[in-house]
Amino acid sequence: MEQDYVIQVENATKKFKVYKDKGKTIKERITAPSRNAYEEKWVLRGVSFKIRRGESVGLIGENGCGKSTTLKLLTRIMYPDSGTVEIKGRVSSLLELGAGFHPDMSGIENIYINASIFGLTKKEIDEKLDDIVEFAELGDYINNPVRTYSSGMYMRLAFAVAINVNADILLVDEILAVGDINFQTKCFNKLMEIKQQGTTIVLVSHSMAQIESVCDRSIWIRDGLVEMDGAPREVHEEYMKFMGNRRRGGSIGDAEKEEKGKANPSVFFNRPGTGEVRILRAEPLNANREPQHIFEYGEDIVFRIEYKVFERIDDVHFGLAIIRNDGIQCYGTSMNAEGIPHIELTEDGIMYVTFPSCHLLKGQYSIDISIVRRIGDMVDYCTGLAAFEVFQGRRQNGVVFLPHEWEIPVLEGIQECME
């Protein structure tokens, strides 16, 4: 390995056997050999990259492209079928939080077990124990068996151990949404702190903004190969354009998007509201009112909202909020707020809400929809509908673009030099 690098991957390949109906016993395998039929699925087809000491690198790409498999090669959880993966230094991984925790042991006991898996000695764990316990914020629960923990408490403890190992290399796979918003902020600040200490970080995430906040480089993996490697904003712009071209005008049959766009009738009456009217479905459309889930900055976005009337109701208005995938409400409005008269609903219907030349910046979004009576009673409230993404060429940060002008004074001394 070259001296300046701590990670060096050369032409790494990895395939898996996908069994159609694998026999589980020796008898089944002998008497029904056809059940052992499988096909080989290539996940990595020759990935190569190098990472310098202290560098922070993001891995991006579609689901199934090989990002998590690459991280597992770096942790030596698995090994490549061909090619080489060289690592220099102690590695801490945040892949599957809590792997190795024993449910009947206390939080303290599991700290010692988990930290020892990362390579710490008992003396090193003793020195870090107070920091780990304080970071996890579990209070007296730290002495209780882990099986009594909620999933959030479990993740807090696992994250606290992994982040306090003082590793040379930290590998992170889609786990920065741990606990409540305050703890997430604490985790992010800790990540930035260890970056400043010179730790090499490899981060897998679908959040482009998150990678741009943490990483110096982005590597786009596409179909098991490195498609692009460079500055995060440049790589992300090309990646979002690719995703936009691939999925622009996405079909209603897209299972994941369709599920996010529907309100499940079986849970109508578990949602807030009196229930005379319920939202059935919402989906994003383009200016031609065709289904679309990827939009370029400045495009028209139209939301098609279907509702079902169970009982005639008058004096109601609709409200809509756009929510970013990190929970930030980007915009909220309602018919009432805009002075539109309340309406009467007597039968099932469809309405459209159009945002012309939408100035949302790049990110993943969904909408919340409410139906409220004039007297203030909530009729229905439905969240997480009409998932969509926005990509942009502008190098702007935040939620929306705000028109602005720069006015730069020219000082006399500078003016003289210019003349």
Protein backbone atom coordinates (compact mmCIF):
# COMPACT_ATOMS: atom_id res chain seq x y z
CA MET A 1 0.00 0.00 0.00
CA GLU A 2 1.23 3.50 -0.80
CA GLN A 3 2.36 5.40 2.29
CA ASP A 4 -0.18 8.27 2.20
CA TYR A 5 -3.18 5.95 1.93
CA VAL A 6 -5.00 4.04 4.68
CA ILE A 7 -7.56 2.37 2.39
CA GLN A 8 -6.74 0.92 -0.99
CA VAL A 9 -9.26 -1.12 -2.99
CA GLU A 10 -8.08 -2.59 -6.28
CA ASN A 11 -10.49 -4.22 -8.74
CA ALA A 12 -12.58 -5.83 -5.97
CA THR A 13 -15.38 -8.16 -7.07
CA LYS A 14 -18.05 -9.90 -5.03
CA LYS A 15 -20.90 -12.22 -5.98
CA PHE A 16 -23.58 -13.99 -3.96
CA LYS A 17 -25.57 -17.16 -4.51
CA VAL A 18 -29.31 -16.50 -4.59
CA TYR A 19 -31.14 -19.78 -3.97
CA LYS A 20 -34.60 -20.25 -5.43
CA ASP A 21 -35.71 -22.79 -2.83
CA LYS A 22 -32.80 -24.00 -0.74
CA GLY A 23 -33.23 -27.27 1.17
CA LYS A 24 -32.75 -26.80 4.90
CA THR A 25 -31.92 -30.38 5.91
CA ILE A 26 -29.51 -33.03 4.60
CA LYS A 27 -32.51 -35.17 3.58
CA GLU A 28 -34.01 -32.34 1.53
CA ARG A 29 -30.69 -31.66 -0.17
CA ILE A 30 -30.23 -35.32 -1.15
CA THR A 31 -33.79 -36.23 -2.12
CA ALA A 32 -34.66 -32.97 -3.85
CA PRO A 33 -31.48 -31.63 -5.47
CA SER A 34 -33.53 -29.33 -7.69
CA ARG A 35 -34.36 -27.27 -4.59
CA ASN A 36 -30.68 -26.30 -4.37
CA ALA A 37 -30.78 -24.43 -7.69
CA TYR A 38 -29.38 -20.93 -7.46
CA GLU A 39 -28.22 -18.06 -9.58
CA GLU A 40 -25.13 -15.94 -9.06
CA LYS A 41 -25.67 -12.25 -8.48
CA TRP A 42 -22.67 -9.99 -9.01
CA VAL A 43 -22.79 -7.06 -6.61
CA LEU A 44 -19.30 -5.65 -7.18
CA ARG A 45 -17.75 -6.00 -10.63
CA GLY A 46 -14.33 -4.41 -10.13
CA VAL A 47 -14.41 -1.48 -7.69
CA SER A 48 -11.20 0.50 -7.24
CA PHE A 49 -10.45 3.56 -5.11
CA LYS A 50 -7.91 4.95 -2.61
CA ILE A 51 -8.51 7.02 0.50
CA ARG A 52 -5.86 9.13 2.23
CA ARG A 53 -5.36 9.40 5.97
CA GLY A 54 -7.82 11.90 7.49
CA GLU A 55 -9.99 12.06 4.38
CA SER A 56 -13.80 11.84 4.60
CA VAL A 57 -15.46 10.05 1.71
CA GLY A 58 -19.14 9.46 0.93
CA LEU A 59 -20.45 6.47 -1.01
CA ILE A 60 -23.64 7.09 -2.97
CA GLY A 61 -25.74 5.11 -5.42
CA GLU A 62 -29.02 3.30 -5.89
CA ASN A 63 -30.18 0.56 -3.54
CA GLY A 64 -28.39 -2.66 -4.45
CA CYS A 65 -25.50 -0.98 -6.26
CA GLY A 66 -22.89 -2.33 -3.80
CA LYS A 67 -22.34 0.46 -1.25
CA SER A 68 -22.94 -1.60 1.89
CA THR A 69 -21.10 -4.59 0.42
CA THR A 70 -18.08 -2.32 -0.12
CA LEU A 71 -18.19 -1.26 3.54
CA LYS A 72 -18.38 -4.89 4.64
CA LEU A 73 -15.26 -5.63 2.61
CA LEU A 74 -13.52 -2.76 4.39
CA THR A 75 -14.51 -4.15 7.81
CA ARG A 76 -13.45 -7.67 6.73
CA ILE A 77 -16.89 -9.02 7.57
CA MET A 78 -16.56 -10.57 4.11
CA TYR A 79 -13.78 -10.83 1.57
CA PRO A 80 -13.70 -10.13 -2.19
CA ASP A 81 -13.88 -12.98 -4.68
CA SER A 82 -11.05 -11.30 -6.57
CA GLY A 83 -9.03 -8.13 -6.26
CA THR A 84 -7.51 -6.70 -3.07
CA VAL A 85 -8.69 -4.63 -0.11
CA GLU A 86 -5.94 -3.16 2.07
CA ILE A 87 -6.57 -1.32 5.35
CA LYS A 88 -4.04 0.41 7.59
CA GLY A 89 -5.13 1.15 11.18
CA ARG A 90 -7.86 0.33 13.70
CA VAL A 91 -11.34 0.21 12.16
CA SER A 92 -14.63 1.04 13.88
CA SER A 93 -17.83 0.35 11.98
CA LEU A 94 -21.35 1.65 12.40
CA LEU A 95 -23.03 -0.87 10.12
CA GLU A 96 -25.43 -2.94 12.16
CA LEU A 97 -25.65 -1.24 15.52
CA GLY A 98 -25.72 -3.59 18.50
CA ALA A 99 -24.43 -6.66 16.68
CA GLY A 100 -23.02 -8.87 19.43
CA PHE A 101 -25.12 -7.42 22.27
CA HIS A 102 -26.36 -10.08 24.71
CA PRO A 103 -29.99 -9.39 25.68
CA ASP A 104 -29.67 -10.76 29.22
CA MET A 105 -26.59 -8.71 30.10
CA SER A 106 -26.70 -5.14 31.36
CA GLY A 107 -25.75 -2.12 29.34
CA ILE A 108 -22.43 -1.88 31.19
CA GLU A 109 -21.56 -5.51 30.47
CA ASN A 110 -22.44 -5.12 26.82
CA ILE A 111 -20.20 -2.06 26.58
CA TYR A 112 -17.24 -4.24 27.57
CA ILE A 113 -18.25 -6.98 25.12
CA ASN A 114 -18.90 -4.66 22.19
CA ALA A 115 -15.81 -2.50 22.73
CA SER A 116 -13.62 -5.59 22.95
CA ILE A 117 -14.96 -6.64 19.53
CA PHE A 118 -13.60 -3.34 18.20
CA GLY A 119 -10.19 -4.28 19.61
CA LEU A 120 -10.03 -2.28 22.86
CA THR A 121 -8.33 -3.76 25.90
CA LYS A 122 -10.06 -3.83 29.29
CA LYS A 123 -7.84 -0.97 30.46
CA GLU A 124 -8.86 1.16 27.45
CA ILE A 125 -12.53 0.38 28.03
CA ASP A 126 -12.21 1.30 31.72
CA GLU A 127 -10.80 4.69 30.70
CA LYS A 128 -13.63 5.34 28.21
CA LEU A 129 -16.52 3.86 30.20
CA ASP A 130 -17.72 7.15 31.71
CA ASP A 131 -17.64 8.89 28.31
CA ILE A 132 -19.65 6.07 26.69
CA VAL A 133 -22.26 6.02 29.47
CA GLU A 134 -22.59 9.81 29.40
CA PHE A 135 -22.91 9.89 25.60
CA ALA A 136 -25.62 7.18 25.57
CA GLU A 137 -27.82 9.21 27.98
CA LEU A 138 -29.49 6.08 29.41
CA GLY A 139 -29.37 7.08 33.08
CA ASP A 140 -30.12 4.23 35.50
CA TYR A 141 -31.15 1.99 32.62
CA ILE A 142 -27.47 1.39 31.91
CA ASN A 143 -27.50 -1.27 34.65
CA ASN A 144 -30.63 -3.03 33.32
CA PRO A 145 -30.61 -6.00 30.90
CA VAL A 146 -30.51 -4.86 27.27
CA ARG A 147 -33.68 -6.88 26.51
CA THR A 148 -35.62 -4.29 28.55
CA TYR A 149 -34.44 -1.43 26.30
CA SER A 150 -36.56 0.21 23.65
CA SER A 151 -35.15 0.09 20.12
CA GLY A 152 -34.05 3.73 20.45
CA MET A 153 -32.20 3.05 23.73
CA TYR A 154 -30.56 0.00 22.16
CA MET A 155 -29.30 2.07 19.23
CA ARG A 156 -28.07 4.85 21.51
CA LEU A 157 -25.90 2.45 23.47
CA ALA A 158 -24.48 0.81 20.34
CA PHE A 159 -23.72 4.18 18.74
CA ALA A 160 -22.09 5.46 21.95
CA VAL A 161 -19.71 2.48 22.01
CA ALA A 162 -18.76 2.61 18.33
CA ILE A 163 -18.22 6.38 18.23
CA ASN A 164 -15.92 6.40 21.29
CA VAL A 165 -13.46 3.74 20.12
CA ASN A 166 -10.91 6.31 18.86
CA ALA A 167 -10.39 4.34 15.66
CA ASP A 168 -8.14 5.36 12.80
CA ILE A 169 -10.93 4.60 10.32
CA LEU A 170 -14.67 5.00 10.91
CA LEU A 171 -17.16 3.30 8.58
CA VAL A 172 -20.77 4.55 8.76
CA ASP A 173 -23.73 3.00 6.94
CA GLU A 174 -27.05 4.90 7.02
CA ILE A 175 -27.34 5.09 10.81
CA LEU A 176 -27.13 8.80 11.62
CA ALA A 177 -30.88 8.93 12.36
CA VAL A 178 -30.48 7.49 15.87
CA GLY A 179 -32.87 8.52 18.65
CA ASP A 180 -34.63 11.87 18.92
CA ILE A 181 -33.60 15.08 17.17
CA ASN A 182 -31.37 16.23 20.05
CA PHE A 183 -29.46 12.96 20.07
CA GLN A 184 -29.14 13.02 16.27
CA THR A 185 -27.57 16.47 16.54
CA LYS A 186 -25.23 15.19 19.24
CA CYS A 187 -24.19 12.26 17.01
CA PHE A 188 -23.56 14.55 14.05
CA ASN A 189 -21.47 16.94 16.17
CA LYS A 190 -19.45 14.00 17.47
CA LEU A 191 -18.84 12.84 13.91
CA MET A 192 -17.55 16.30 12.97
CA GLU A 193 -15.35 16.29 16.07
CA ILE A 194 -13.65 13.01 15.20
CA LYS A 195 -13.22 14.23 11.64
CA GLN A 196 -11.30 17.26 12.96
CA GLN A 197 -9.12 14.87 14.97
CA GLY A 198 -7.89 13.35 11.71
CA THR A 199 -9.97 10.16 11.64
CA THR A 200 -10.62 8.75 8.18
CA ILE A 201 -14.37 8.47 7.58
CA VAL A 202 -16.28 6.48 4.96
CA LEU A 203 -19.99 7.33 5.00
CA VAL A 204 -22.81 5.61 3.09
CA SER A 205 -25.95 7.73 2.87
CA HIS A 206 -28.84 8.63 0.58
CA SER A 207 -28.78 12.15 2.02
CA MET A 208 -26.73 14.28 -0.34
CA ALA A 209 -26.80 17.21 2.10
CA GLN A 210 -25.46 15.01 4.89
CA ILE A 211 -22.52 13.84 2.77
CA GLU A 212 -21.76 17.38 1.61
CA SER A 213 -21.65 18.50 5.27
CA VAL A 214 -19.21 15.78 6.32
CA CYS A 215 -17.22 14.58 3.32
CA ASP A 216 -14.39 15.89 1.16
CA ARG A 217 -15.08 13.42 -1.67
CA SER A 218 -17.97 11.41 -3.04
CA ILE A 219 -17.75 8.10 -4.86
CA TRP A 220 -20.76 7.15 -6.96
CA ILE A 221 -21.12 3.38 -7.33
CA ARG A 222 -23.33 2.24 -10.17
CA ASP A 223 -24.05 -1.42 -10.92
CA GLY A 224 -21.00 -2.58 -8.97
CA LEU A 225 -18.52 -0.17 -10.56
CA VAL A 226 -17.21 3.29 -9.69
CA GLU A 227 -19.10 5.65 -11.98
CA MET A 228 -17.60 8.92 -10.69
CA ASP A 229 -15.19 10.06 -7.99
CA GLY A 230 -14.69 13.69 -7.07
CA ALA A 231 -15.95 16.75 -5.18
CA PRO A 232 -19.31 15.97 -3.51
CA ARG A 233 -21.33 18.69 -5.24
CA GLU A 234 -20.07 17.78 -8.70
CA VAL A 235 -20.65 14.05 -8.20
CA HIS A 236 -24.07 14.58 -6.62
CA GLU A 237 -25.20 16.84 -9.45
CA GLU A 238 -24.38 14.16 -12.02
CA TYR A 239 -25.93 11.44 -9.86
CA MET A 240 -29.19 13.38 -9.43
CA LYS A 241 -29.31 14.09 -13.17
CA PHE A 242 -28.86 10.37 -13.84
CA MET A 243 -31.58 9.47 -11.36
CA GLY A 244 -33.83 12.13 -12.83
CA ASN A 245 -33.37 10.84 -16.37
CA ARG A 246 -33.93 7.25 -15.25
CA ARG A 247 -37.00 7.90 -13.17
CA ARG A 248 -38.44 11.02 -14.75
CA GLY A 249 -42.08 10.39 -15.42
CA GLY A 250 -41.85 7.35 -13.11
CA SER A 251 -44.68 4.91 -13.44
CA ILE A 252 -47.58 4.58 -11.06
CA GLY A 253 -46.55 0.94 -10.77
CA ASP A 254 -43.36 1.88 -8.93
CA ALA A 255 -44.15 -0.06 -5.77
CA GLU A 256 -42.15 2.00 -3.32
CA LYS A 257 -43.42 5.36 -4.55
CA GLU A 258 -46.96 4.10 -4.90
CA GLU A 259 -47.03 2.88 -1.31
CA LYS A 260 -45.74 6.23 -0.11
CA GLY A 261 -48.41 7.98 -2.15
CA LYS A 262 -51.36 6.02 -0.76
CA ALA A 263 -53.30 6.33 2.42
CA ASN A 264 -54.07 2.78 3.56
CA PRO A 265 -57.87 2.38 3.88
CA SER A 266 -57.41 -0.21 6.65
CA VAL A 267 -56.01 2.48 8.93
CA PHE A 268 -58.49 5.25 8.05
CA PHE A 269 -59.98 5.20 11.48
CA ASN A 270 -56.66 5.00 13.31
CA ARG A 271 -55.71 8.40 11.89
CA PRO A 272 -56.58 11.65 13.64
CA GLY A 273 -59.91 13.24 12.80
CA THR A 274 -63.65 12.73 12.92
CA GLY A 275 -63.53 10.74 9.68
CA GLU A 276 -66.42 12.05 7.57
CA VAL A 277 -63.86 12.47 4.74
CA ARG A 278 -60.54 10.67 4.33
CA ILE A 279 -57.57 11.21 2.02
CA LEU A 280 -57.22 8.19 -0.27
CA ARG A 281 -54.09 9.04 -2.20
CA ALA A 282 -51.77 11.83 -3.32
CA GLU A 283 -49.16 11.83 -6.04
CA PRO A 284 -46.78 14.37 -7.61
CA LEU A 285 -47.31 15.35 -11.25
CA ASN A 286 -45.43 17.50 -13.74
CA ALA A 287 -46.80 20.52 -15.59
CA ASN A 288 -48.55 18.19 -18.07
CA ARG A 289 -50.20 16.43 -15.11
CA GLU A 290 -48.28 13.24 -15.73
CA PRO A 291 -46.90 11.21 -12.77
CA GLN A 292 -43.33 12.25 -11.93
CA HIS A 293 -41.18 11.76 -8.85
CA ILE A 294 -37.94 13.54 -9.78
CA PHE A 295 -38.06 17.28 -10.50
CA GLU A 296 -35.44 19.76 -11.56
CA TYR A 297 -35.20 23.01 -9.64
CA GLY A 298 -37.68 25.54 -11.07
CA GLU A 299 -40.11 23.01 -12.55
CA ASP A 300 -43.84 23.13 -11.87
CA ILE A 301 -44.95 20.58 -9.27
CA VAL A 302 -48.61 19.58 -9.12
CA PHE A 303 -50.09 17.45 -6.35
CA ARG A 304 -53.12 15.34 -7.23
CA ILE A 305 -55.16 14.58 -4.10
CA GLU A 306 -57.96 12.00 -4.01
CA TYR A 307 -60.44 11.90 -1.15
CA LYS A 308 -63.36 9.72 -0.15
CA VAL A 309 -66.54 11.04 1.44
CA PHE A 310 -68.13 8.72 4.00
CA GLU A 311 -70.64 11.30 5.21
CA ARG A 312 -71.71 14.63 3.76
CA ILE A 313 -69.92 17.52 5.43
CA ASP A 314 -69.86 21.30 4.91
CA ASP A 315 -67.66 24.18 5.98
CA VAL A 316 -64.33 22.38 5.52
CA HIS A 317 -60.97 23.43 4.12
CA PHE A 318 -57.84 21.57 3.04
CA GLY A 319 -54.29 22.24 4.25
CA LEU A 320 -50.98 21.09 2.79
CA ALA A 321 -47.42 21.06 4.15
CA ILE A 322 -44.20 20.12 2.35
CA ILE A 323 -41.87 18.12 4.61
CA ARG A 324 -38.20 17.37 3.91
CA ASN A 325 -37.06 13.82 4.72
CA ASP A 326 -35.22 15.03 7.85
CA GLY A 327 -38.55 16.25 9.29
CA ILE A 328 -38.15 19.95 8.47
CA GLN A 329 -41.41 21.62 7.41
CA CYS A 330 -40.41 23.62 4.35
CA TYR A 331 -43.76 25.22 3.67
CA GLY A 332 -47.33 25.03 4.90
CA THR A 333 -50.53 26.58 3.63
CA SER A 334 -54.28 26.06 3.65
CA MET A 335 -57.41 27.25 1.86
CA ASN A 336 -58.41 29.09 5.01
CA ALA A 337 -55.08 30.93 5.29
CA GLU A 338 -55.38 32.09 1.69
CA GLY A 339 -58.94 33.32 2.08
CA ILE A 340 -60.52 30.62 -0.07
CA PRO A 341 -64.13 29.95 1.02
CA HIS A 342 -64.85 26.78 2.93
CA ILE A 343 -66.44 24.07 0.81
CA GLU A 344 -69.09 21.36 1.08
CA LEU A 345 -68.15 17.75 0.30
CA THR A 346 -70.93 15.40 -0.73
CA GLU A 347 -69.14 12.80 -2.87
CA ASP A 348 -65.68 11.39 -3.60
CA GLY A 349 -63.43 13.74 -5.53
CA ILE A 350 -60.02 14.92 -6.69
CA MET A 351 -58.30 18.26 -6.22
CA TYR A 352 -55.04 19.68 -7.50
CA VAL A 353 -52.52 21.97 -5.81
CA THR A 354 -49.95 23.54 -8.15
CA PHE A 355 -46.60 25.06 -7.22
CA PRO A 356 -45.42 26.88 -10.37
CA SER A 357 -41.65 27.24 -10.85
CA CYS A 358 -41.04 25.56 -7.50
CA HIS A 359 -37.94 26.97 -5.78
CA LEU A 360 -37.29 24.04 -3.45
CA LEU A 361 -33.59 23.15 -3.39
CA LYS A 362 -32.26 19.62 -3.82
CA GLY A 363 -33.57 17.03 -1.40
CA GLN A 364 -36.20 14.40 -0.77
CA TYR A 365 -39.67 15.55 0.23
CA SER A 366 -43.21 14.41 0.94
CA ILE A 367 -46.45 16.17 1.82
CA ASP A 368 -48.86 16.16 4.75
CA ILE A 369 -52.54 16.89 4.06
CA SER A 370 -55.23 17.95 6.49
CA ILE A 371 -58.98 18.47 6.28
CA VAL A 372 -60.42 20.80 8.94
CA ARG A 373 -63.90 22.16 9.68
CA ARG A 374 -64.54 25.87 10.15
CA ILE A 375 -65.19 25.31 13.86
CA GLY A 376 -61.70 23.81 14.19
CA ASP A 377 -62.50 20.07 14.29
CA MET A 378 -59.91 17.91 12.53
CA VAL A 379 -61.62 15.72 9.93
CA ASP A 380 -58.48 13.96 8.61
CA TYR A 381 -54.72 14.31 8.81
CA CYS A 382 -52.45 12.18 6.64
CA THR A 383 -48.64 12.29 6.56
CA GLY A 384 -45.84 11.13 4.25
CA LEU A 385 -47.76 11.26 0.96
CA ALA A 386 -46.53 11.92 -2.60
CA ALA A 387 -42.80 11.36 -2.03
CA PHE A 388 -40.66 13.26 -4.54
CA GLU A 389 -37.11 14.53 -5.07
CA VAL A 390 -35.63 17.75 -6.38
CA PHE A 391 -32.21 18.15 -7.96
CA GLN A 392 -30.50 21.33 -9.07
CA GLY A 393 -27.50 22.70 -10.89
CA ARG A 394 -27.34 25.77 -8.64
CA ARG A 395 -24.71 25.63 -5.92
CA GLN A 396 -27.05 26.72 -3.17
CA ASN A 397 -27.68 25.29 0.28
CA GLY A 398 -30.81 25.20 2.40
CA VAL A 399 -34.48 24.56 1.69
CA VAL A 400 -35.55 27.14 -0.91
CA PHE A 401 -33.92 29.67 -3.19
CA LEU A 402 -34.57 33.26 -2.12
CA PRO A 403 -34.04 35.88 -4.85
CA HIS A 404 -31.36 38.32 -3.77
CA GLU A 405 -28.78 40.81 -5.01
CA TRP A 406 -25.17 41.51 -3.97
CA GLU A 407 -24.14 45.14 -3.62
CA ILE A 408 -20.38 45.41 -3.23
CA PRO A 409 -18.84 48.81 -2.34
CA VAL A 410 -15.64 49.70 -4.16
CA LEU A 411 -13.21 51.42 -1.79
CA GLU A 412 -11.19 54.39 -3.11
CA GLY A 413 -7.85 52.65 -2.61
CA ILE A 414 -9.03 49.60 -4.45
CA GLN A 415 -10.50 51.76 -7.20
CA GLU A 416 -7.15 53.54 -7.70
CA CYS A 417 -5.34 50.21 -7.96
CA MET A 418 -7.87 49.03 -10.52
CA GLU A 419 -7.31 52.19 -12.59
